[in-house]
PDB file of N, CA and C in Angstrom:
ATOM      1  N   ILE A   1      -1.295  -6.219 -15.893  1.00  0.00           N
ATOM      2  CA  ILE A   1      -0.634  -7.166 -14.878  1.00  0.00           C
ATOM      3  C   ILE A   1       0.927  -6.696 -15.174  1.00  0.00           C
ATOM      4  N   GLU A   2       0.897  -7.114 -16.664  1.00  0.00           N
ATOM      5  CA  GLU A   2       2.366  -7.000 -17.471  1.00  0.00           C
ATOM      6  C   GLU A   2       2.671  -5.469 -17.527  1.00  0.00           C
ATOM      7  N   HIS A   3       1.808  -4.346 -17.529  1.00  0.00           N
ATOM      8  CA  HIS A   3       2.589  -3.186 -17.426  1.00  0.00           C
ATOM      9  C   HIS A   3       2.963  -2.994 -15.617  1.00  0.00           C
ATOM     10  N   CYS A   4       2.140  -3.602 -14.858  1.00  0.00           N
ATOM     11  CA  CYS A   4       2.799  -3.288 -13.600  1.00  0.00           C
ATOM     12  C   CYS A   4       4.242  -4.021 -13.474  1.00  0.00           C
ATOM     13  N   LYS A   5       4.124  -5.635 -13.671  1.00  0.00           N
ATOM     14  CA  LYS A   5       5.233  -6.080 -13.686  1.00  0.00           C
ATOM     15  C   LYS A   5       6.618  -5.266 -13.972  1.00  0.00           C
ATOM     16  N   GLN A   6       6.452  -4.667 -15.329  1.00  0.00           N
ATOM     17  CA  GLN A   6       7.468  -3.749 -15.884  1.00  0.00           C
ATOM     18  C   GLN A   6       7.868  -2.838 -15.114  1.00  0.00           C
ATOM     19  N   HIS A   7       7.267  -2.410 -14.425  1.00  0.00           N
ATOM     20  CA  HIS A   7       7.473  -1.148 -13.479  1.00  0.00           C
ATOM     21  C   HIS A   7       8.353  -1.724 -12.373  1.00  0.00           C
ATOM     22  N   ILE A   8       7.834  -2.838 -11.889  1.00  0.00           N
ATOM     23  CA  ILE A   8       8.773  -3.721 -10.758  1.00  0.00           C
ATOM     24  C   ILE A   8       9.911  -4.153 -11.325  1.00  0.00           C
ATOM     25  N   GLU A   9      10.178  -4.733 -12.606  1.00  0.00           N
ATOM     26  CA  GLU A   9      11.216  -5.241 -13.310  1.00  0.00           C
ATOM     27  C   GLU A   9      12.121  -4.448 -13.415  1.00  0.00           C
ATOM     28  N   ILE A  10      12.017  -2.989 -14.118  1.00  0.00           N
ATOM     29  CA  ILE A  10      12.868  -1.758 -14.268  1.00  0.00           C
ATOM     30  C   ILE A  10      13.324  -1.340 -12.740  1.00  0.00           C
ATOM     31  N   ASN A  11      12.596  -1.631 -11.988  1.00  0.00           N
ATOM     32  CA  ASN A  11      12.529  -0.671 -10.890  1.00  0.00           C
ATOM     33  C   ASN A  11      12.571   0.451 -10.771  1.00  0.00           C
ATOM     34  N   SER A  12      11.465   0.787 -11.110  1.00  0.00           N
ATOM     35  CA  SER A  12      10.879   2.051 -11.309  1.00  0.00           C
ATOM     36  C   SER A  12      10.880   2.936 -10.208  1.00  0.00           C
ATOM     37  N   SER A  13      11.096   4.381 -10.148  1.00  0.00           N
ATOM     38  CA  SER A  13      10.997   4.706  -8.645  1.00  0.00           C
ATOM     39  C   SER A  13       9.941   5.009  -8.098  1.00  0.00           C
ATOM     40  N   GLY A  14       9.911   5.159  -6.775  1.00  0.00           N
ATOM     41  CA  GLY A  14       9.037   5.618  -6.105  1.00  0.00           C
ATOM     42  C   GLY A  14       7.520   4.818  -6.318  1.00  0.00           C
ATOM     43  N   TYR A  15       6.598   6.166  -6.805  1.00  0.00           N
ATOM     44  CA  TYR A  15       5.335   5.887  -7.109  1.00  0.00           C
ATOM     45  C   TYR A  15       5.265   4.690  -7.907  1.00  0.00           C
ATOM     46  N   GLY A  16       5.972   4.764  -9.169  1.00  0.00           N
ATOM     47  CA  GLY A  16       5.280   3.938 -10.186  1.00  0.00           C
ATOM     48  C   GLY A  16       5.613   2.453  -9.497  1.00  0.00           C
ATOM     49  N   ARG A  17       6.470   2.002  -8.934  1.00  0.00           N
ATOM     50  CA  ARG A  17       6.909   0.743  -8.313  1.00  0.00           C
ATOM     51  C   ARG A  17       5.790   0.323  -7.058  1.00  0.00           C
ATOM     52  N   ASN A  18       5.967   1.688  -6.201  1.00  0.00           N
ATOM     53  CA  ASN A  18       4.900   1.088  -5.296  1.00  0.00           C
ATOM     54  C   ASN A  18       3.293   1.209  -5.886  1.00  0.00           C
ATOM     55  N   MET A  19       2.982   2.002  -6.798  1.00  0.00           N
ATOM     56  CA  MET A  19       1.579   1.815  -7.025  1.00  0.00           C
ATOM     57  C   MET A  19       1.344   0.327  -7.736  1.00  0.00           C
ATOM     58  N   ALA A  20       2.523   0.187  -8.492  1.00  0.00           N
ATOM     59  CA  ALA A  20       2.366  -1.407  -9.547  1.00  0.00           C
ATOM     60  C   ALA A  20       2.142  -2.357  -8.168  1.00  0.00           C
ATOM     61  N   HIS A  21       2.705  -2.175  -7.432  1.00  0.00           N
ATOM     62  CA  HIS A  21       2.297  -3.457  -6.181  1.00  0.00           C
ATOM     63  C   HIS A  21       0.949  -3.285  -5.870  1.00  0.00           C
ATOM     64  N   PHE A  22       0.509  -2.127  -5.546  1.00  0.00           N
ATOM     65  CA  PHE A  22      -0.670  -1.938  -5.350  1.00  0.00           C
ATOM     66  C   PHE A  22      -2.014  -2.276  -6.102  1.00  0.00           C
ATOM     67  N   ASP A  23      -1.662  -2.150  -7.363  1.00  0.00           N
ATOM     68  CA  ASP A  23      -2.500  -2.357  -8.334  1.00  0.00           C
ATOM     69  C   ASP A  23      -2.566  -3.938  -8.655  1.00  0.00           C
ATOM     70  N   LEU A  24      -1.359  -4.319  -8.201  1.00  0.00           N
ATOM     71  CA  LEU A  24      -1.048  -6.054  -8.695  1.00  0.00           C
ATOM     72  C   LEU A  24      -1.789  -6.792  -7.620  1.00  0.00           C
ATOM     73  N   ALA A  25      -1.658  -6.112  -6.414  1.00  0.00           N
ATOM     74  CA  ALA A  25      -2.646  -6.639  -5.286  1.00  0.00           C
ATOM     75  C   ALA A  25      -4.056  -6.670  -5.193  1.00  0.00           C
ATOM     76  N   GLY A  26      -4.243  -5.565  -5.866  1.00  0.00           N
ATOM     77  CA  GLY A  26      -5.707  -5.534  -6.231  1.00  0.00           C
ATOM     78  C   GLY A  26      -6.682  -6.245  -7.250  1.00  0.00           C
ATOM     79  N   VAL A  27      -5.702  -6.283  -8.096  1.00  0.00           N
ATOM     80  CA  VAL A  27      -6.177  -7.322  -9.410  1.00  0.00           C
ATOM     81  C   VAL A  27      -5.972  -8.627  -8.896  1.00  0.00           C
ATOM     82  N   TYR A  28      -4.922  -9.125  -8.315  1.00  0.00           N
ATOM     83  CA  TYR A  28      -4.897 -10.657  -7.710  1.00  0.00           C
ATOM     84  C   TYR A  28      -6.084 -10.954  -6.968  1.00  0.00           C
ATOM     85  N   ALA A  29      -6.273  -9.856  -6.278  1.00  0.00           N
ATOM     86  CA  ALA A  29      -7.332 -10.438  -5.005  1.00  0.00           C
ATOM     87  C   ALA A  29      -8.707 -10.277  -5.692  1.00  0.00           C
ATOM     88  N   PHE A  30      -8.911  -9.580  -6.773  1.00  0.00           N
ATOM     89  CA  PHE A  30     -10.090  -9.546  -7.481  1.00  0.00           C
ATOM     90  C   PHE A  30     -10.460 -10.958  -8.390  1.00  0.00           C
ATOM     91  N   LEU A  31      -9.093 -11.650  -8.713  1.00  0.00           N
ATOM     92  CA  LEU A  31      -9.078 -12.645  -9.523  1.00  0.00           C
ATOM     93  C   LEU A  31      -9.333 -13.979  -8.477  1.00  0.00           C
ATOM     94  N   GLY A  32      -9.267 -13.807  -7.218  1.00  0.00           N
ATOM     95  CA  GLY A  32      -9.070 -14.945  -6.459  1.00  0.00           C
ATOM     96  C   GLY A  32      -7.913 -15.545  -6.120  1.00  0.00           C
ATOM     97  N   GLN A  33      -6.730 -14.918  -6.553  1.00  0.00           N
ATOM     98  CA  GLN A  33      -5.469 -15.236  -6.595  1.00  0.00           C
ATOM     99  C   GLN A  33      -4.966 -14.558  -5.190  1.00  0.00           C
ATOM    100  N   LYS A  34      -4.891 -15.134  -3.916  1.00  0.00           N
ATOM    101  CA  LYS A  34      -4.717 -14.695  -2.841  1.00  0.00           C
ATOM    102  C   LYS A  34      -3.353 -14.564  -2.667  1.00  0.00           C
ATOM    103  N   ASP A  35      -2.733 -15.804  -2.990  1.00  0.00           N
ATOM    104  CA  ASP A  35      -1.544 -15.833  -2.209  1.00  0.00           C
ATOM    105  C   ASP A  35      -0.472 -14.529  -3.544  1.00  0.00           C
ATOM    106  N   SER A  36      -1.032 -14.506  -4.237  1.00  0.00           N
ATOM    107  CA  SER A  36      -0.053 -13.470  -5.386  1.00  0.00           C
ATOM    108  C   SER A  36      -0.857 -11.930  -4.260  1.00  0.00           C
ATOM    109  N   ALA A  37      -1.862 -11.953  -4.248  1.00  0.00           N
ATOM    110  CA  ALA A  37      -2.278 -10.806  -3.791  1.00  0.00           C
ATOM    111  C   ALA A  37      -1.453 -10.449  -2.610  1.00  0.00           C
ATOM    112  N   TYR A  38      -1.522 -11.340  -1.698  1.00  0.00           N
ATOM    113  CA  TYR A  38      -0.753 -11.087  -0.227  1.00  0.00           C
ATOM    114  C   TYR A  38       0.802 -11.060  -0.593  1.00  0.00           C
ATOM    115  N   TYR A  39       1.371 -11.360  -1.601  1.00  0.00           N
ATOM    116  CA  TYR A  39       2.535 -11.185  -2.042  1.00  0.00           C
ATOM    117  C   TYR A  39       3.209  -9.818  -2.220  1.00  0.00           C
ATOM    118  N   HIS A  40       2.000  -9.277  -3.275  1.00  0.00           N
ATOM    119  CA  HIS A  40       2.266  -7.669  -3.137  1.00  0.00           C
ATOM    120  C   HIS A  40       1.565  -6.747  -2.464  1.00  0.00           C
ATOM    121  N   LEU A  41       0.711  -7.152  -1.487  1.00  0.00           N
ATOM    122  CA  LEU A  41       0.712  -6.179  -0.162  1.00  0.00           C
ATOM    123  C   LEU A  41       2.190  -6.367   0.851  1.00  0.00           C
ATOM    124  N   GLU A  42       2.607  -7.533   0.623  1.00  0.00           N
ATOM    125  CA  GLU A  42       3.623  -7.441   1.708  1.00  0.00           C
ATOM    126  C   GLU A  42       5.029  -6.791   0.901  1.00  0.00           C
ATOM    127  N   GLN A  43       4.918  -6.948  -0.265  1.00  0.00           N
ATOM    128  CA  GLN A  43       5.948  -5.922  -0.871  1.00  0.00           C
ATOM    129  C   GLN A  43       5.916  -4.521  -0.507  1.00  0.00           C
ATOM    130  N   MET A  44       4.550  -4.136  -0.536  1.00  0.00           N
ATOM    131  CA  MET A  44       4.594  -2.823   0.060  1.00  0.00           C
ATOM    132  C   MET A  44       4.903  -2.349   1.316  1.00  0.00           C
ATOM    133  N   VAL A  45       4.485  -3.201   2.218  1.00  0.00           N
ATOM    134  CA  VAL A  45       4.800  -3.127   3.535  1.00  0.00           C
ATOM    135  C   VAL A  45       6.893  -3.201   3.822  1.00  0.00           C
ATOM    136  N   ASP A  46       7.311  -4.010   2.680  1.00  0.00           N
ATOM    137  CA  ASP A  46       8.627  -4.302   2.792  1.00  0.00           C
ATOM    138  C   ASP A  46       9.164  -2.706   2.336  1.00  0.00           C
ATOM    139  N   LEU A  47       8.595  -2.008   1.285  1.00  0.00           N
ATOM    140  CA  LEU A  47       9.030  -0.998   0.608  1.00  0.00           C
ATOM    141  C   LEU A  47       8.607  -0.049   1.629  1.00  0.00           C
ATOM    142  N   ASN A  48       8.216  -0.007   2.896  1.00  0.00           N
ATOM    143  CA  ASN A  48       7.726   0.940   3.578  1.00  0.00           C
ATOM    144  C   ASN A  48       6.869   2.031   2.835  1.00  0.00           C
ATOM    145  N   VAL A  49       5.904   1.390   2.196  1.00  0.00           N
ATOM    146  CA  VAL A  49       4.965   2.691   1.328  1.00  0.00           C
ATOM    147  C   VAL A  49       3.615   3.239   2.386  1.00  0.00           C
ATOM    148  N   ILE A  50       4.193   4.294   2.550  1.00  0.00           N
ATOM    149  CA  ILE A  50       3.282   5.171   3.577  1.00  0.00           C
ATOM    150  C   ILE A  50       2.437   6.379   2.752  1.00  0.00           C
ATOM    151  N   ASP A  51       1.958   6.125   1.870  1.00  0.00           N
ATOM    152  CA  ASP A  51       1.125   7.189   1.212  1.00  0.00           C
ATOM    153  C   ASP A  51      -0.242   6.840   1.193  1.00  0.00           C
ATOM    154  N   ALA A  52      -1.036   8.183   1.280  1.00  0.00           N
ATOM    155  CA  ALA A  52      -2.071   7.982   1.989  1.00  0.00           C
ATOM    156  C   ALA A  52      -3.145   7.252   0.921  1.00  0.00           C
ATOM    157  N   TYR A  53      -2.525   7.395  -0.417  1.00  0.00           N
ATOM    158  CA  TYR A  53      -3.739   7.092  -1.508  1.00  0.00           C
ATOM    159  C   TYR A  53      -4.046   5.686  -1.159  1.00  0.00           C
ATOM    160  N   PRO A  54      -2.986   4.510  -1.132  1.00  0.00           N
ATOM    161  CA  PRO A  54      -3.218   3.261  -1.185  1.00  0.00           C
ATOM    162  C   PRO A  54      -3.632   2.803   0.337  1.00  0.00           C
ATOM    163  N   ILE A  55      -3.767   3.538   1.507  1.00  0.00           N
ATOM    164  CA  ILE A  55      -4.219   3.146   2.453  1.00  0.00           C
ATOM    165  C   ILE A  55      -5.971   3.313   2.309  1.00  0.00           C
ATOM    166  N   ASP A  56      -6.191   4.761   1.784  1.00  0.00           N
ATOM    167  CA  ASP A  56      -7.734   4.956   1.630  1.00  0.00           C
ATOM    168  C   ASP A  56      -8.189   3.683   1.078  1.00  0.00           C
ATOM    169  N   TYR A  57      -7.711   3.892   0.394  1.00  0.00           N
ATOM    170  CA  TYR A  57      -8.277   2.708  -1.049  1.00  0.00           C
ATOM    171  C   TYR A  57      -8.312   1.268  -0.337  1.00  0.00           C
ATOM    172  N   LEU A  58      -7.192   0.471  -0.060  1.00  0.00           N
ATOM    173  CA  LEU A  58      -7.063  -0.552   1.016  1.00  0.00           C
ATOM    174  C   LEU A  58      -8.196  -0.751   1.914  1.00  0.00           C
ATOM    175  N   GLY A  59      -7.991   0.509   2.498  1.00  0.00           N
ATOM    176  CA  GLY A  59      -9.075   0.226   3.685  1.00  0.00           C
ATOM    177  C   GLY A  59     -10.531   0.168   3.530  1.00  0.00           C
ATOM    178  N   TYR A  60     -11.030   1.038   2.801  1.00  0.00           N
ATOM    179  CA  TYR A  60     -12.181   1.253   2.409  1.00  0.00           C
ATOM    180  C   TYR A  60     -13.029   1.419   1.400  1.00  0.00           C
ATOM    181  N   LEU A  61     -11.830   2.035   0.363  1.00  0.00           N
ATOM    182  CA  LEU A  61     -12.583   2.095  -1.320  1.00  0.00           C
ATOM    183  C   LEU A  61     -12.665   1.357  -2.177  1.00  0.00           C
ATOM    184  N   ASP A  62     -11.692   0.371  -2.384  1.00  0.00           N
ATOM    185  CA  ASP A  62     -11.215   0.043  -3.510  1.00  0.00           C
ATOM    186  C   ASP A  62     -12.030  -1.369  -3.467  1.00  0.00           C
ATOM    187  N   HIS A  63     -13.013  -1.699  -4.189  1.00  0.00           N
ATOM    188  CA  HIS A  63     -13.681  -2.745  -4.433  1.00  0.00           C
ATOM    189  C   HIS A  63     -13.001  -4.484  -4.506  1.00  0.00           C
ATOM    190  N   LEU A  64     -11.719  -4.183  -5.265  1.00  0.00           N
ATOM    191  CA  LEU A  64     -11.178  -5.080  -5.322  1.00  0.00           C
ATOM    192  C   LEU A  64     -10.406  -5.849  -4.418  1.00  0.00           C
ATOM    193  N   PHE A  65     -10.523  -5.257  -3.465  1.00  0.00           N
ATOM    194  CA  PHE A  65     -10.068  -6.076  -2.357  1.00  0.00           C
ATOM    195  C   PHE A  65     -11.004  -6.762  -1.144  1.00  0.00           C
ATOM    196  N   GLU A  66     -12.135  -6.931  -2.149  1.00  0.00           N
ATOM    197  CA  GLU A  66     -13.562  -7.167  -0.781  1.00  0.00           C
ATOM    198  C   GLU A  66     -13.113  -8.396  -0.593  1.00  0.00           C
ATOM    199  N   SER A  67     -12.377  -9.487  -1.320  1.00  0.00           N
ATOM    200  CA  SER A  67     -12.325 -10.996  -1.022  1.00  0.00           C
ATOM    201  C   SER A  67     -11.347 -11.009  -0.018  1.00  0.00           C
ATOM    202  N   ILE A  68     -10.962 -10.260   0.337  1.00  0.00           N
ATOM    203  CA  ILE A  68      -9.589 -10.567   1.393  1.00  0.00           C
ATOM    204  C   ILE A  68      -9.882  -9.540   2.624  1.00  0.00           C
ATOM    205  N   ARG A  69     -10.448  -8.279   2.286  1.00  0.00           N
ATOM    206  CA  ARG A  69     -10.793  -7.274   3.429  1.00  0.00           C
ATOM    207  C   ARG A  69     -10.885  -7.710   4.523  1.00  0.00           C
ATOM    208  N   THR A  70     -11.507  -8.568   4.843  1.00  0.00           N
ATOM    209  CA  THR A  70     -11.928  -9.462   6.194  1.00  0.00           C
ATOM    210  C   THR A  70     -11.420 -10.438   6.665  1.00  0.00           C
ATOM    211  N   GLU A  71      -9.921 -10.836   5.938  1.00  0.00           N
ATOM    212  CA  GLU A  71      -9.049 -11.741   6.644  1.00  0.00           C
ATOM    213  C   GLU A  71      -8.104 -11.195   7.557  1.00  0.00           C
ATOM    214  N   ASP A  72      -7.618 -11.997   8.576  1.00  0.00           N
ATOM    215  CA  ASP A  72      -6.874 -11.552   9.318  1.00  0.00           C
ATOM    216  C   ASP A  72      -5.477 -11.141   8.720  1.00  0.00           C
ATOM    217  N   ARG A  73      -4.976 -11.935   7.681  1.00  0.00           N
ATOM    218  CA  ARG A  73      -3.704 -11.591   7.091  1.00  0.00           C
ATOM    219  C   ARG A  73      -3.704  -9.975   6.670  1.00  0.00           C
ATOM    220  N   PHE A  74      -4.817  -9.621   5.739  1.00  0.00           N
ATOM    221  CA  PHE A  74      -5.129  -8.738   5.150  1.00  0.00           C
ATOM    222  C   PHE A  74      -5.230  -7.638   6.160  1.00  0.00           C
ATOM    223  N   GLN A  75      -5.818  -7.813   7.189  1.00  0.00           N
ATOM    224  CA  GLN A  75      -6.279  -6.947   8.372  1.00  0.00           C
ATOM    225  C   GLN A  75      -4.745  -6.362   9.186  1.00  0.00           C
ATOM    226  N   GLU A  76      -3.787  -7.419   9.082  1.00  0.00           N
ATOM    227  CA  GLU A  76      -2.652  -7.248   9.686  1.00  0.00           C
ATOM    228  C   GLU A  76      -1.609  -6.053   9.089  1.00  0.00           C
ATOM    229  N   LEU A  77      -1.726  -6.861   7.491  1.00  0.00           N
ATOM    230  CA  LEU A  77      -0.975  -6.001   6.782  1.00  0.00           C
ATOM    231  C   LEU A  77      -1.312  -4.430   6.507  1.00  0.00           C
ATOM    232  N   PHE A  78      -2.844  -4.028   6.662  1.00  0.00           N
ATOM    233  CA  PHE A  78      -3.265  -3.038   6.464  1.00  0.00           C
ATOM    234  C   PHE A  78      -3.047  -1.857   7.685  1.00  0.00           C
ATOM    235  N   SER A  79      -2.951  -2.699   8.963  1.00  0.00           N
ATOM    236  CA  SER A  79      -2.821  -1.938  10.507  1.00  0.00           C
ATOM    237  C   SER A  79      -1.622  -1.632  10.360  1.00  0.00           C
ATOM    238  N   LEU A  80      -0.280  -2.550   9.847  1.00  0.00           N
ATOM    239  CA  LEU A  80       0.707  -2.012  10.082  1.00  0.00           C
ATOM    240  C   LEU A  80       0.910  -0.802   8.853  1.00  0.00           C
ATOM    241  N   MET A  81       0.511  -0.904   7.742  1.00  0.00           N
ATOM    242  CA  MET A  81       0.662   0.137   6.838  1.00  0.00           C
ATOM    243  C   MET A  81      -0.056   1.660   7.410  1.00  0.00           C
ATOM    244  N   GLU A  82      -1.323   1.372   8.043  1.00  0.00           N
ATOM    245  CA  GLU A  82      -1.722   2.506   8.512  1.00  0.00           C
ATOM    246  C   GLU A  82      -1.093   2.976   9.743  1.00  0.00           C
ATOM    247  N   ALA A  83      -0.209   2.385  10.418  1.00  0.00           N
ATOM    248  CA  ALA A  83       0.444   2.763  11.450  1.00  0.00           C
ATOM    249  C   ALA A  83       1.439   3.351  10.994  1.00  0.00           C
ATOM    250  N   ARG A  84       2.209   3.052  10.243  1.00  0.00           N
ATOM    251  CA  ARG A  84       3.392   3.428   9.701  1.00  0.00           C
ATOM    252  C   ARG A  84       2.632   4.920   8.727  1.00  0.00           C
ATOM    253  N   PHE A  85       1.557   4.980   8.317  1.00  0.00           N
ATOM    254  CA  PHE A  85       1.556   6.468   7.782  1.00  0.00           C
ATOM    255  C   PHE A  85       1.278   7.149   8.972  1.00  0.00           C
ATOM    256  N   GLU A  86       0.512   6.677   9.787  1.00  0.00           N
ATOM    257  CA  GLU A  86       0.178   7.969  11.057  1.00  0.00           C
ATOM    258  C   GLU A  86       1.204   8.285  11.679  1.00  0.00           C
ATOM    259  N   ALA A  87       2.592   7.555  11.343  1.00  0.00           N
ATOM    260  CA  ALA A  87       3.602   7.756  12.377  1.00  0.00           C
ATOM    261  C   ALA A  87       4.193   8.845  11.596  1.00  0.00           C
ATOM    262  N   GLU A  88       4.176   8.444  10.316  1.00  0.00           N
ATOM    263  CA  GLU A  88       4.703   9.493   9.456  1.00  0.00           C
ATOM    264  C   GLU A  88       4.308  11.015   9.488  1.00  0.00           C
ATOM    265  N   GLN A  89       2.908  11.108   9.331  1.00  0.00           N
ATOM    266  CA  GLN A  89       2.291  12.302   9.381  1.00  0.00           C
ATOM    267  C   GLN A  89       2.790  12.925  10.549  1.00  0.00           C
ATOM    268  N   GLU A  90       2.778  12.284  11.972  1.00  0.00           N
ATOM    269  CA  GLU A  90       2.949  12.885  13.021  1.00  0.00           C
ATOM    270  C   GLU A  90       4.148  13.796  13.089  1.00  0.00           C
ATOM    271  N   ARG A  91       5.198  12.708  12.183  1.00  0.00           N
ATOM    272  CA  ARG A  91       6.532  12.864  12.341  1.00  0.00           C
ATOM    273  C   ARG A  91       6.623  14.730  11.515  1.00  0.00           C
ATOM    274  N   VAL A  92       6.018  14.626  10.499  1.00  0.00           N
ATOM    275  CA  VAL A  92       5.654  15.963   9.670  1.00  0.00           C
ATOM    276  C   VAL A  92       5.170  16.885  10.383  1.00  0.00           C
ATOM    277  N   ILE A  93       4.075  16.471  10.941  1.00  0.00           N
ATOM    278  CA  ILE A  93       3.171  17.692  11.599  1.00  0.00           C
ATOM    279  C   ILE A  93       4.122  18.047  12.865  1.00  0.00           C
ATOM    280  N   ARG A  94       5.405  17.152  13.398  1.00  0.00           N
ATOM    281  CA  ARG A  94       6.124  17.973  14.339  1.00  0.00           C
ATOM    282  C   ARG A  94       6.970  18.774  13.625  1.00  0.00           C
ATOM    283  N   TRP A  95       7.643  18.254  12.804  1.00  0.00           N
ATOM    284  CA  TRP A  95       8.576  19.170  11.977  1.00  0.00           C
ATOM    285  C   TRP A  95       8.298  20.443  11.639  1.00  0.00           C
ATOM    286  N   ILE A  96       7.005  20.284  11.047  1.00  0.00           N
ATOM    287  CA  ILE A  96       6.506  21.701  10.230  1.00  0.00           C
ATOM    288  C   ILE A  96       6.217  22.872  12.092  1.00  0.00           C
ATOM    289  N   GLU A  97       6.002  22.189  12.840  1.00  0.00           N
ATOM    290  CA  GLU A  97       5.839  23.036  14.146  1.00  0.00           C
ATOM    291  C   GLU A  97       6.954  23.444  14.697  1.00  0.00           C
ATOM    292  N   GLU A  98       8.074  22.625  14.625  1.00  0.00           N
ATOM    293  CA  GLU A  98       9.495  22.896  15.117  1.00  0.00           C
ATOM    294  C   GLU A  98      10.122  23.874  14.463  1.00  0.00           C
ATOM    295  N   ASN A  99       9.733  23.921  13.284  1.00  0.00           N
ATOM    296  CA  ASN A  99      10.524  24.842  12.158  1.00  0.00           C
ATOM    297  C   ASN A  99       9.692  26.174  11.822  1.00  0.00           C
ATOM    298  N   ASN A 100       8.533  26.334  12.674  1.00  0.00           N
ATOM    299  CA  ASN A 100       7.389  27.471  12.220  1.00  0.00           C
ATOM    300  C   ASN A 100       7.259  27.885  10.687  1.00  0.00           C
ATOM    301  N   LYS A 101       6.946  26.449  10.151  1.00  0.00           N
ATOM    302  CA  LYS A 101       6.478  26.629   8.944  1.00  0.00           C
ATOM    303  C   LYS A 101       5.055  26.442   8.369  1.00  0.00           C
ATOM    304  N   LEU A 102       4.220  26.866   9.645  1.00  0.00           N
ATOM    305  CA  LEU A 102       2.734  26.902   9.590  1.00  0.00           C
ATOM    306  C   LEU A 102       2.225  28.204   8.802  1.00  0.00           C
TER     307      LEU A 102
END
């Protein structure tokens, strides 16, 4: 927890800060501290984290989120992140096709 908080406090660039929020959300969900878990999930939404890693782990793989995975609030945040990821993926594919980079 302290390591993640340090990444956030020093405003660690990109992946470090984003994954710190992801890790904290998982730890807090596992500990049953739902408000803290949701706070860090909401930070991921605010930071517009659109990386496949947290999407896959939030949705299906990470057992730390079992205590909140079926809750409406979790599902709404997950759906928002998933939609942003899919939109970004489509944007990249379109750019690749338009610029003949295949």
